[in-house]
Amino acid sequence: MKKQTSSKQTNALILEAKLQTDALQRLGVWLRAAASLAVIGLLIAWWGFQMGAGLAAGILGVILTVVAGAAAFIIRQGRENGKKNVQRILKAAGIDYKNGVAIDA
């Protein structure tokens, strides 16, 4: 037998899903920023090691690339887990997250 949720609970779940979706969109901005920093780090490393800007610039570029790449990976994992969580919330509210319609009982 399927567990029924009240209208109040359904509305609360839908609101929570919307708030989490908004947070996921903000995480997307941070993901792009971290990926951009990783690319900038690669350019600095290349400039330092290949273009004669100095060893310090090359090492700084490598460090920036590693740190920004790790941050991008962690943010990406958080976004993927967040998307799954929103899907579970909508399913608990009785909404088909693929089509946005109520699931028939």
PDB file of N, CA and C in Angstrom:
ATOM      1  N   MET A   1       0.841  -1.176   0.000  1.00  0.00           N
ATOM      2  CA  MET A   1       0.000   0.000   0.000  1.00  0.00           C
ATOM      3  C   MET A   1       0.893   1.248   0.000  1.00  0.00           C
ATOM      4  N   LYS A   2       0.548   2.197  -0.807  1.00  0.00           N
ATOM      5  CA  LYS A   2       1.340   3.416  -0.952  1.00  0.00           C
ATOM      6  C   LYS A   2       1.022   4.387   0.182  1.00  0.00           C
ATOM      7  N   LYS A   3       2.080   4.971   0.752  1.00  0.00           N
ATOM      8  CA  LYS A   3       1.917   5.937   1.826  1.00  0.00           C
ATOM      9  C   LYS A   3       1.451   7.271   1.238  1.00  0.00           C
ATOM     10  N   GLN A   4       0.388   7.819   1.797  1.00  0.00           N
ATOM     11  CA  GLN A   4      -0.162   9.080   1.320  1.00  0.00           C
ATOM     12  C   GLN A   4       0.404  10.244   2.135  1.00  0.00           C
ATOM     13  N   THR A   5       0.666  11.351   1.480  1.00  0.00           N
ATOM     14  CA  THR A   5       1.105  12.551   2.185  1.00  0.00           C
ATOM     15  C   THR A   5      -0.009  13.583   2.140  1.00  0.00           C
ATOM     16  N   SER A   6      -0.105  14.358   3.201  1.00  0.00           N
ATOM     17  CA  SER A   6      -1.150  15.384   3.251  1.00  0.00           C
ATOM     18  C   SER A   6      -0.769  16.535   2.320  1.00  0.00           C
ATOM     19  N   SER A   7      -1.726  17.404   2.090  1.00  0.00           N
ATOM     20  CA  SER A   7      -1.496  18.557   1.218  1.00  0.00           C
ATOM     21  C   SER A   7      -0.417  19.466   1.803  1.00  0.00           C
ATOM     22  N   LYS A   8      -0.434  19.642   3.130  1.00  0.00           N
ATOM     23  CA  LYS A   8       0.571  20.462   3.793  1.00  0.00           C
ATOM     24  C   LYS A   8       1.962  19.859   3.612  1.00  0.00           C
ATOM     25  N   GLN A   9       2.056  18.562   3.805  1.00  0.00           N
ATOM     26  CA  GLN A   9       3.350  17.880   3.645  1.00  0.00           C
ATOM     27  C   GLN A   9       3.827  17.967   2.200  1.00  0.00           C
ATOM     28  N   THR A  10       2.920  17.794   1.269  1.00  0.00           N
ATOM     29  CA  THR A  10       3.276  17.866  -0.147  1.00  0.00           C
ATOM     30  C   THR A  10       3.801  19.250  -0.496  1.00  0.00           C
ATOM     31  N   ASN A  11       3.101  20.289  -0.015  1.00  0.00           N
ATOM     32  CA  ASN A  11       3.559  21.653  -0.283  1.00  0.00           C
ATOM     33  C   ASN A  11       4.927  21.920   0.337  1.00  0.00           C
ATOM     34  N   ALA A  12       5.140  21.397   1.542  1.00  0.00           N
ATOM     35  CA  ALA A  12       6.435  21.576   2.205  1.00  0.00           C
ATOM     36  C   ALA A  12       7.548  20.860   1.419  1.00  0.00           C
ATOM     37  N   LEU A  13       7.243  19.676   0.913  1.00  0.00           N
ATOM     38  CA  LEU A  13       8.231  18.937   0.127  1.00  0.00           C
ATOM     39  C   LEU A  13       8.542  19.651  -1.185  1.00  0.00           C
ATOM     40  N   ILE A  14       7.515  20.193  -1.820  1.00  0.00           N
ATOM     41  CA  ILE A  14       7.720  20.922  -3.078  1.00  0.00           C
ATOM     42  C   ILE A  14       8.562  22.173  -2.824  1.00  0.00           C
ATOM     43  N   LEU A  15       8.283  22.878  -1.721  1.00  0.00           N
ATOM     44  CA  LEU A  15       9.075  24.057  -1.382  1.00  0.00           C
ATOM     45  C   LEU A  15      10.535  23.678  -1.130  1.00  0.00           C
ATOM     46  N   GLU A  16      10.740  22.602  -0.391  1.00  0.00           N
ATOM     47  CA  GLU A  16      12.112  22.138  -0.127  1.00  0.00           C
ATOM     48  C   GLU A  16      12.830  21.777  -1.426  1.00  0.00           C
ATOM     49  N   ALA A  17      12.139  21.117  -2.332  1.00  0.00           N
ATOM     50  CA  ALA A  17      12.741  20.762  -3.619  1.00  0.00           C
ATOM     51  C   ALA A  17      13.114  22.017  -4.402  1.00  0.00           C
ATOM     52  N   LYS A  18      12.253  23.038  -4.364  1.00  0.00           N
ATOM     53  CA  LYS A  18      12.559  24.290  -5.063  1.00  0.00           C
ATOM     54  C   LYS A  18      13.779  24.972  -4.447  1.00  0.00           C
ATOM     55  N   LEU A  19      13.843  25.026  -3.129  1.00  0.00           N
ATOM     56  CA  LEU A  19      14.980  25.657  -2.462  1.00  0.00           C
ATOM     57  C   LEU A  19      16.277  24.921  -2.787  1.00  0.00           C
ATOM     58  N   GLN A  20      16.211  23.597  -2.790  1.00  0.00           N
ATOM     59  CA  GLN A  20      17.410  22.830  -3.113  1.00  0.00           C
ATOM     60  C   GLN A  20      17.800  22.988  -4.582  1.00  0.00           C
ATOM     61  N   THR A  21      16.813  23.114  -5.457  1.00  0.00           N
ATOM     62  CA  THR A  21      17.103  23.345  -6.874  1.00  0.00           C
ATOM     63  C   THR A  21      17.789  24.691  -7.067  1.00  0.00           C
ATOM     64  N   ASP A  22      17.327  25.700  -6.341  1.00  0.00           N
ATOM     65  CA  ASP A  22      17.981  27.019  -6.403  1.00  0.00           C
ATOM     66  C   ASP A  22      19.423  26.930  -5.917  1.00  0.00           C
ATOM     67  N   ALA A  23      19.639  26.181  -4.845  1.00  0.00           N
ATOM     68  CA  ALA A  23      21.003  26.010  -4.324  1.00  0.00           C
ATOM     69  C   ALA A  23      21.879  25.267  -5.335  1.00  0.00           C
ATOM     70  N   LEU A  24      21.297  24.301  -6.022  1.00  0.00           N
ATOM     71  CA  LEU A  24      22.055  23.559  -7.041  1.00  0.00           C
ATOM     72  C   LEU A  24      22.464  24.480  -8.185  1.00  0.00           C
ATOM     73  N   GLN A  25      21.601  25.418  -8.526  1.00  0.00           N
ATOM     74  CA  GLN A  25      21.956  26.376  -9.579  1.00  0.00           C
ATOM     75  C   GLN A  25      23.108  27.265  -9.140  1.00  0.00           C
ATOM     76  N   ARG A  26      23.096  27.677  -7.878  1.00  0.00           N
ATOM     77  CA  ARG A  26      24.220  28.476  -7.366  1.00  0.00           C
ATOM     78  C   ARG A  26      25.501  27.646  -7.345  1.00  0.00           C
ATOM     79  N   LEU A  27      25.401  26.379  -7.012  1.00  0.00           N
ATOM     80  CA  LEU A  27      26.578  25.512  -7.047  1.00  0.00           C
ATOM     81  C   LEU A  27      27.130  25.392  -8.465  1.00  0.00           C
ATOM     82  N   GLY A  28      26.264  25.478  -9.454  1.00  0.00           N
ATOM     83  CA  GLY A  28      26.714  25.446 -10.846  1.00  0.00           C
ATOM     84  C   GLY A  28      27.623  26.620 -11.163  1.00  0.00           C
ATOM     85  N   VAL A  29      27.307  27.781 -10.590  1.00  0.00           N
ATOM     86  CA  VAL A  29      28.159  28.961 -10.783  1.00  0.00           C
ATOM     87  C   VAL A  29      29.521  28.719 -10.155  1.00  0.00           C
ATOM     88  N   TRP A  30      29.528  28.168  -8.944  1.00  0.00           N
ATOM     89  CA  TRP A  30      30.798  27.868  -8.276  1.00  0.00           C
ATOM     90  C   TRP A  30      31.586  26.804  -9.023  1.00  0.00           C
ATOM     91  N   LEU A  31      30.889  25.851  -9.620  1.00  0.00           N
ATOM     92  CA  LEU A  31      31.574  24.821 -10.396  1.00  0.00           C
ATOM     93  C   LEU A  31      32.283  25.434 -11.598  1.00  0.00           C
ATOM     94  N   ARG A  32      31.605  26.324 -12.303  1.00  0.00           N
ATOM     95  CA  ARG A  32      32.241  26.997 -13.446  1.00  0.00           C
ATOM     96  C   ARG A  32      33.424  27.844 -13.000  1.00  0.00           C
ATOM     97  N   ALA A  33      33.293  28.500 -11.855  1.00  0.00           N
ATOM     98  CA  ALA A  33      34.392  29.323 -11.343  1.00  0.00           C
ATOM     99  C   ALA A  33      35.599  28.451 -10.991  1.00  0.00           C
ATOM    100  N   ALA A  34      35.367  27.319 -10.348  1.00  0.00           N
ATOM    101  CA  ALA A  34      36.472  26.436  -9.979  1.00  0.00           C
ATOM    102  C   ALA A  34      37.132  25.848 -11.228  1.00  0.00           C
ATOM    103  N   ALA A  35      36.334  25.463 -12.195  1.00  0.00           N
ATOM    104  CA  ALA A  35      36.904  24.923 -13.439  1.00  0.00           C
ATOM    105  C   ALA A  35      37.709  25.997 -14.171  1.00  0.00           C
ATOM    106  N   SER A  36      37.216  27.222 -14.159  1.00  0.00           N
ATOM    107  CA  SER A  36      37.945  28.320 -14.795  1.00  0.00           C
ATOM    108  C   SER A  36      39.270  28.577 -14.095  1.00  0.00           C
ATOM    109  N   LEU A  37      39.264  28.536 -12.765  1.00  0.00           N
ATOM    110  CA  LEU A  37      40.511  28.715 -12.022  1.00  0.00           C
ATOM    111  C   LEU A  37      41.506  27.598 -12.316  1.00  0.00           C
ATOM    112  N   ALA A  38      41.002  26.384 -12.494  1.00  0.00           N
ATOM    113  CA  ALA A  38      41.895  25.274 -12.831  1.00  0.00           C
ATOM    114  C   ALA A  38      42.560  25.525 -14.184  1.00  0.00           C
ATOM    115  N   VAL A  39      41.803  26.007 -15.143  1.00  0.00           N
ATOM    116  CA  VAL A  39      42.365  26.306 -16.462  1.00  0.00           C
ATOM    117  C   VAL A  39      43.361  27.462 -16.372  1.00  0.00           C
ATOM    118  N   ILE A  40      43.028  28.475 -15.593  1.00  0.00           N
ATOM    119  CA  ILE A  40      43.954  29.589 -15.399  1.00  0.00           C
ATOM    120  C   ILE A  40      45.243  29.083 -14.754  1.00  0.00           C
ATOM    121  N   GLY A  41      45.105  28.169 -13.798  1.00  0.00           N
ATOM    122  CA  GLY A  41      46.288  27.568 -13.176  1.00  0.00           C
ATOM    123  C   GLY A  41      47.154  26.841 -14.183  1.00  0.00           C
ATOM    124  N   LEU A  42      46.515  26.133 -15.100  1.00  0.00           N
ATOM    125  CA  LEU A  42      47.281  25.457 -16.154  1.00  0.00           C
ATOM    126  C   LEU A  42      48.035  26.460 -17.021  1.00  0.00           C
ATOM    127  N   LEU A  43      47.364  27.546 -17.354  1.00  0.00           N
ATOM    128  CA  LEU A  43      48.024  28.578 -18.166  1.00  0.00           C
ATOM    129  C   LEU A  43      49.195  29.219 -17.422  1.00  0.00           C
ATOM    130  N   ILE A  44      49.023  29.476 -16.133  1.00  0.00           N
ATOM    131  CA  ILE A  44      50.116  30.041 -15.346  1.00  0.00           C
ATOM    132  C   ILE A  44      51.281  29.059 -15.252  1.00  0.00           C
ATOM    133  N   ALA A  45      50.957  27.768 -15.048  1.00  0.00           N
ATOM    134  CA  ALA A  45      52.014  26.760 -14.984  1.00  0.00           C
ATOM    135  C   ALA A  45      52.766  26.689 -16.312  1.00  0.00           C
ATOM    136  N   TRP A  46      52.035  26.686 -17.408  1.00  0.00           N
ATOM    137  CA  TRP A  46      52.674  26.646 -18.725  1.00  0.00           C
ATOM    138  C   TRP A  46      53.538  27.877 -18.936  1.00  0.00           C
ATOM    139  N   TRP A  47      53.003  29.034 -18.575  1.00  0.00           N
ATOM    140  CA  TRP A  47      53.740  30.284 -18.698  1.00  0.00           C
ATOM    141  C   TRP A  47      55.014  30.244 -17.855  1.00  0.00           C
ATOM    142  N   GLY A  48      54.909  29.709 -16.636  1.00  0.00           N
ATOM    143  CA  GLY A  48      56.063  29.653 -15.750  1.00  0.00           C
ATOM    144  C   GLY A  48      57.130  28.686 -16.213  1.00  0.00           C
ATOM    145  N   PHE A  49      56.714  27.505 -16.642  1.00  0.00           N
ATOM    146  CA  PHE A  49      57.691  26.468 -17.001  1.00  0.00           C
ATOM    147  C   PHE A  49      58.190  26.591 -18.441  1.00  0.00           C
ATOM    148  N   GLN A  50      57.327  26.968 -19.360  1.00  0.00           N
ATOM    149  CA  GLN A  50      57.690  26.962 -20.772  1.00  0.00           C
ATOM    150  C   GLN A  50      58.077  28.328 -21.330  1.00  0.00           C
ATOM    151  N   MET A  51      57.516  29.379 -20.778  1.00  0.00           N
ATOM    152  CA  MET A  51      57.748  30.705 -21.343  1.00  0.00           C
ATOM    153  C   MET A  51      58.813  31.492 -20.572  1.00  0.00           C
ATOM    154  N   GLY A  52      59.429  30.854 -19.611  1.00  0.00           N
ATOM    155  CA  GLY A  52      60.522  31.494 -18.896  1.00  0.00           C
ATOM    156  C   GLY A  52      60.104  32.513 -17.860  1.00  0.00           C
ATOM    157  N   ALA A  53      58.882  32.413 -17.343  1.00  0.00           N
ATOM    158  CA  ALA A  53      58.431  33.362 -16.329  1.00  0.00           C
ATOM    159  C   ALA A  53      59.001  33.023 -14.959  1.00  0.00           C
ATOM    160  N   GLY A  54      59.541  31.855 -14.819  1.00  0.00           N
ATOM    161  CA  GLY A  54      60.165  31.479 -13.553  1.00  0.00           C
ATOM    162  C   GLY A  54      59.535  30.248 -12.933  1.00  0.00           C
ATOM    163  N   LEU A  55      60.340  29.601 -12.128  1.00  0.00           N
ATOM    164  CA  LEU A  55      59.907  28.378 -11.454  1.00  0.00           C
ATOM    165  C   LEU A  55      58.757  28.662 -10.484  1.00  0.00           C
ATOM    166  N   ALA A  56      58.824  29.787  -9.784  1.00  0.00           N
ATOM    167  CA  ALA A  56      57.777  30.124  -8.811  1.00  0.00           C
ATOM    168  C   ALA A  56      56.407  30.236  -9.493  1.00  0.00           C
ATOM    169  N   ALA A  57      56.359  30.862 -10.648  1.00  0.00           N
ATOM    170  CA  ALA A  57      55.084  30.990 -11.368  1.00  0.00           C
ATOM    171  C   ALA A  57      54.573  29.620 -11.793  1.00  0.00           C
ATOM    172  N   GLY A  58      55.480  28.752 -12.247  1.00  0.00           N
ATOM    173  CA  GLY A  58      55.076  27.409 -12.647  1.00  0.00           C
ATOM    174  C   GLY A  58      54.521  26.607 -11.486  1.00  0.00           C
ATOM    175  N   ILE A  59      55.193  26.693 -10.345  1.00  0.00           N
ATOM    176  CA  ILE A  59      54.724  25.964  -9.155  1.00  0.00           C
ATOM    177  C   ILE A  59      53.403  26.533  -8.674  1.00  0.00           C
ATOM    178  N   LEU A  60      53.278  27.856  -8.677  1.00  0.00           N
ATOM    179  CA  LEU A  60      52.014  28.484  -8.293  1.00  0.00           C
ATOM    180  C   LEU A  60      50.880  28.014  -9.206  1.00  0.00           C
ATOM    181  N   GLY A  61      51.145  27.913 -10.497  1.00  0.00           N
ATOM    182  CA  GLY A  61      50.137  27.440 -11.442  1.00  0.00           C
ATOM    183  C   GLY A  61      49.713  26.010 -11.177  1.00  0.00           C
ATOM    184  N   VAL A  62      50.689  25.165 -10.859  1.00  0.00           N
ATOM    185  CA  VAL A  62      50.366  23.760 -10.558  1.00  0.00           C
ATOM    186  C   VAL A  62      49.520  23.672  -9.296  1.00  0.00           C
ATOM    187  N   ILE A  63      49.897  24.428  -8.268  1.00  0.00           N
ATOM    188  CA  ILE A  63      49.130  24.413  -7.016  1.00  0.00           C
ATOM    189  C   ILE A  63      47.704  24.910  -7.252  1.00  0.00           C
ATOM    190  N   LEU A  64      47.576  26.002  -7.992  1.00  0.00           N
ATOM    191  CA  LEU A  64      46.247  26.534  -8.295  1.00  0.00           C
ATOM    192  C   LEU A  64      45.413  25.513  -9.067  1.00  0.00           C
ATOM    193  N   THR A  65      46.038  24.832 -10.005  1.00  0.00           N
ATOM    194  CA  THR A  65      45.318  23.828 -10.788  1.00  0.00           C
ATOM    195  C   THR A  65      44.828  22.686  -9.910  1.00  0.00           C
ATOM    196  N   VAL A  66      45.683  22.204  -9.034  1.00  0.00           N
ATOM    197  CA  VAL A  66      45.310  21.072  -8.175  1.00  0.00           C
ATOM    198  C   VAL A  66      44.194  21.469  -7.209  1.00  0.00           C
ATOM    199  N   VAL A  67      44.336  22.617  -6.568  1.00  0.00           N
ATOM    200  CA  VAL A  67      43.332  23.048  -5.589  1.00  0.00           C
ATOM    201  C   VAL A  67      41.990  23.329  -6.276  1.00  0.00           C
ATOM    202  N   ALA A  68      42.026  24.054  -7.381  1.00  0.00           N
ATOM    203  CA  ALA A  68      40.780  24.373  -8.083  1.00  0.00           C
ATOM    204  C   ALA A  68      40.154  23.115  -8.690  1.00  0.00           C
ATOM    205  N   GLY A  69      40.983  22.211  -9.183  1.00  0.00           N
ATOM    206  CA  GLY A  69      40.458  20.954  -9.727  1.00  0.00           C
ATOM    207  C   GLY A  69      39.790  20.117  -8.658  1.00  0.00           C
ATOM    208  N   ALA A  70      40.402  20.059  -7.465  1.00  0.00           N
ATOM    209  CA  ALA A  70      39.793  19.319  -6.357  1.00  0.00           C
ATOM    210  C   ALA A  70      38.478  19.964  -5.938  1.00  0.00           C
ATOM    211  N   ALA A  71      38.465  21.297  -5.882  1.00  0.00           N
ATOM    212  CA  ALA A  71      37.226  22.000  -5.524  1.00  0.00           C
ATOM    213  C   ALA A  71      36.133  21.724  -6.554  1.00  0.00           C
ATOM    214  N   ALA A  72      36.489  21.744  -7.831  1.00  0.00           N
ATOM    215  CA  ALA A  72      35.504  21.474  -8.889  1.00  0.00           C
ATOM    216  C   ALA A  72      34.950  20.058  -8.759  1.00  0.00           C
ATOM    217  N   PHE A  73      35.823  19.110  -8.446  1.00  0.00           N
ATOM    218  CA  PHE A  73      35.378  17.718  -8.285  1.00  0.00           C
ATOM    219  C   PHE A  73      34.401  17.596  -7.122  1.00  0.00           C
ATOM    220  N   ILE A  74      34.735  18.215  -5.998  1.00  0.00           N
ATOM    221  CA  ILE A  74      33.869  18.136  -4.821  1.00  0.00           C
ATOM    222  C   ILE A  74      32.526  18.813  -5.093  1.00  0.00           C
ATOM    223  N   ILE A  75      32.549  19.961  -5.732  1.00  0.00           N
ATOM    224  CA  ILE A  75      31.298  20.667  -6.058  1.00  0.00           C
ATOM    225  C   ILE A  75      30.456  19.832  -7.013  1.00  0.00           C
ATOM    226  N   ARG A  76      31.096  19.211  -7.996  1.00  0.00           N
ATOM    227  CA  ARG A  76      30.363  18.374  -8.956  1.00  0.00           C
ATOM    228  C   ARG A  76      29.689  17.198  -8.247  1.00  0.00           C
ATOM    229  N   GLN A  77      30.421  16.564  -7.324  1.00  0.00           N
ATOM    230  CA  GLN A  77      29.837  15.451  -6.573  1.00  0.00           C
ATOM    231  C   GLN A  77      28.640  15.937  -5.746  1.00  0.00           C
ATOM    232  N   GLY A  78      28.781  17.103  -5.133  1.00  0.00           N
ATOM    233  CA  GLY A  78      27.680  17.656  -4.353  1.00  0.00           C
ATOM    234  C   GLY A  78      26.458  17.951  -5.205  1.00  0.00           C
ATOM    235  N   ARG A  79      26.699  18.453  -6.407  1.00  0.00           N
ATOM    236  CA  ARG A  79      25.572  18.733  -7.312  1.00  0.00           C
ATOM    237  C   ARG A  79      24.873  17.436  -7.720  1.00  0.00           C
ATOM    238  N   GLU A  80      25.645  16.417  -8.041  1.00  0.00           N
ATOM    239  CA  GLU A  80      25.038  15.139  -8.441  1.00  0.00           C
ATOM    240  C   GLU A  80      24.207  14.557  -7.304  1.00  0.00           C
ATOM    241  N   ASN A  81      24.756  14.572  -6.084  1.00  0.00           N
ATOM    242  CA  ASN A  81      24.011  14.068  -4.932  1.00  0.00           C
ATOM    243  C   ASN A  81      22.787  14.934  -4.651  1.00  0.00           C
ATOM    244  N   GLY A  82      22.914  16.236  -4.831  1.00  0.00           N
ATOM    245  CA  GLY A  82      21.789  17.142  -4.630  1.00  0.00           C
ATOM    246  C   GLY A  82      20.659  16.886  -5.621  1.00  0.00           C
ATOM    247  N   LYS A  83      21.016  16.626  -6.873  1.00  0.00           N
ATOM    248  CA  LYS A  83      19.997  16.321  -7.882  1.00  0.00           C
ATOM    249  C   LYS A  83      19.235  15.057  -7.519  1.00  0.00           C
ATOM    250  N   LYS A  84      19.968  14.041  -7.052  1.00  0.00           N
ATOM    251  CA  LYS A  84      19.305  12.800  -6.633  1.00  0.00           C
ATOM    252  C   LYS A  84      18.389  13.054  -5.447  1.00  0.00           C
ATOM    253  N   ASN A  85      18.826  13.909  -4.538  1.00  0.00           N
ATOM    254  CA  ASN A  85      18.008  14.227  -3.371  1.00  0.00           C
ATOM    255  C   ASN A  85      16.722  14.942  -3.782  1.00  0.00           C
ATOM    256  N   VAL A  86      16.810  15.878  -4.712  1.00  0.00           N
ATOM    257  CA  VAL A  86      15.605  16.575  -5.191  1.00  0.00           C
ATOM    258  C   VAL A  86      14.647  15.575  -5.840  1.00  0.00           C
ATOM    259  N   GLN A  87      15.186  14.637  -6.588  1.00  0.00           N
ATOM    260  CA  GLN A  87      14.333  13.616  -7.209  1.00  0.00           C
ATOM    261  C   GLN A  87      13.616  12.782  -6.147  1.00  0.00           C
ATOM    262  N   ARG A  88      14.328  12.434  -5.071  1.00  0.00           N
ATOM    263  CA  ARG A  88      13.697  11.664  -3.993  1.00  0.00           C
ATOM    264  C   ARG A  88      12.627  12.493  -3.281  1.00  0.00           C
ATOM    265  N   ILE A  89      12.893  13.771  -3.088  1.00  0.00           N
ATOM    266  CA  ILE A  89      11.912  14.641  -2.433  1.00  0.00           C
ATOM    267  C   ILE A  89      10.645  14.734  -3.280  1.00  0.00           C
ATOM    268  N   LEU A  90      10.810  14.950  -4.574  1.00  0.00           N
ATOM    269  CA  LEU A  90       9.642  15.056  -5.457  1.00  0.00           C
ATOM    270  C   LEU A  90       8.877  13.738  -5.524  1.00  0.00           C
ATOM    271  N   LYS A  91       9.611  12.634  -5.512  1.00  0.00           N
ATOM    272  CA  LYS A  91       8.935  11.333  -5.519  1.00  0.00           C
ATOM    273  C   LYS A  91       8.128  11.161  -4.235  1.00  0.00           C
ATOM    274  N   ALA A  92       8.696  11.598  -3.099  1.00  0.00           N
ATOM    275  CA  ALA A  92       7.966  11.512  -1.831  1.00  0.00           C
ATOM    276  C   ALA A  92       6.729  12.408  -1.851  1.00  0.00           C
ATOM    277  N   ALA A  93       6.788  13.497  -2.601  1.00  0.00           N
ATOM    278  CA  ALA A  93       5.634  14.407  -2.715  1.00  0.00           C
ATOM    279  C   ALA A  93       4.614  13.892  -3.722  1.00  0.00           C
ATOM    280  N   GLY A  94       4.967  12.814  -4.423  1.00  0.00           N
ATOM    281  CA  GLY A  94       4.029  12.248  -5.395  1.00  0.00           C
ATOM    282  C   GLY A  94       4.110  12.905  -6.750  1.00  0.00           C
ATOM    283  N   ILE A  95       5.277  13.459  -7.084  1.00  0.00           N
ATOM    284  CA  ILE A  95       5.447  14.136  -8.366  1.00  0.00           C
ATOM    285  C   ILE A  95       6.477  13.387  -9.201  1.00  0.00           C
ATOM    286  N   ASP A  96       6.125  13.144 -10.458  1.00  0.00           N
ATOM    287  CA  ASP A  96       7.067  12.530 -11.390  1.00  0.00           C
ATOM    288  C   ASP A  96       8.055  13.603 -11.814  1.00  0.00           C
ATOM    289  N   TYR A  97       9.296  13.493 -11.350  1.00  0.00           N
ATOM    290  CA  TYR A  97      10.278  14.561 -11.587  1.00  0.00           C
ATOM    291  C   TYR A  97      10.687  14.670 -13.051  1.00  0.00           C
ATOM    292  N   LYS A  98      10.469  13.661 -13.837  1.00  0.00           N
ATOM    293  CA  LYS A  98      10.823  13.736 -15.254  1.00  0.00           C
ATOM    294  C   LYS A  98       9.810  14.545 -16.045  1.00  0.00           C
ATOM    295  N   ASN A  99       8.531  14.384 -15.700  1.00  0.00           N
ATOM    296  CA  ASN A  99       7.462  15.044 -16.442  1.00  0.00           C
ATOM    297  C   ASN A  99       6.806  16.186 -15.677  1.00  0.00           C
ATOM    298  N   GLY A 100       7.053  16.269 -14.359  1.00  0.00           N
ATOM    299  CA  GLY A 100       6.466  17.320 -13.555  1.00  0.00           C
ATOM    300  C   GLY A 100       4.977  17.155 -13.294  1.00  0.00           C
ATOM    301  N   VAL A 101       4.492  15.927 -13.378  1.00  0.00           N
ATOM    302  CA  VAL A 101       3.068  15.695 -13.136  1.00  0.00           C
ATOM    303  C   VAL A 101       2.919  14.786 -11.922  1.00  0.00           C
ATOM    304  N   ALA A 102       1.730  14.818 -11.331  1.00  0.00           N
ATOM    305  CA  ALA A 102       1.446  13.993 -10.164  1.00  0.00           C
ATOM    306  C   ALA A 102       1.458  12.524 -10.543  1.00  0.00           C
ATOM    307  N   ILE A 103       1.981  11.706  -9.649  1.00  0.00           N
ATOM    308  CA  ILE A 103       1.996  10.265  -9.854  1.00  0.00           C
ATOM    309  C   ILE A 103       0.631   9.725  -9.450  1.00  0.00           C
ATOM    310  N   ASP A 104       0.043   8.955 -10.335  1.00  0.00           N
ATOM    311  CA  ASP A 104      -1.276   8.373 -10.027  1.00  0.00           C
ATOM    312  C   ASP A 104      -1.133   7.309  -8.958  1.00  0.00           C
ATOM    313  N   ALA A 105      -2.060   7.301  -8.048  1.00  0.00           N
ATOM    314  CA  ALA A 105      -2.027   6.322  -6.946  1.00  0.00           C
ATOM    315  C   ALA A 105      -2.494   4.969  -7.414  1.00  0.00           C
TER     316      ALA A 105
END
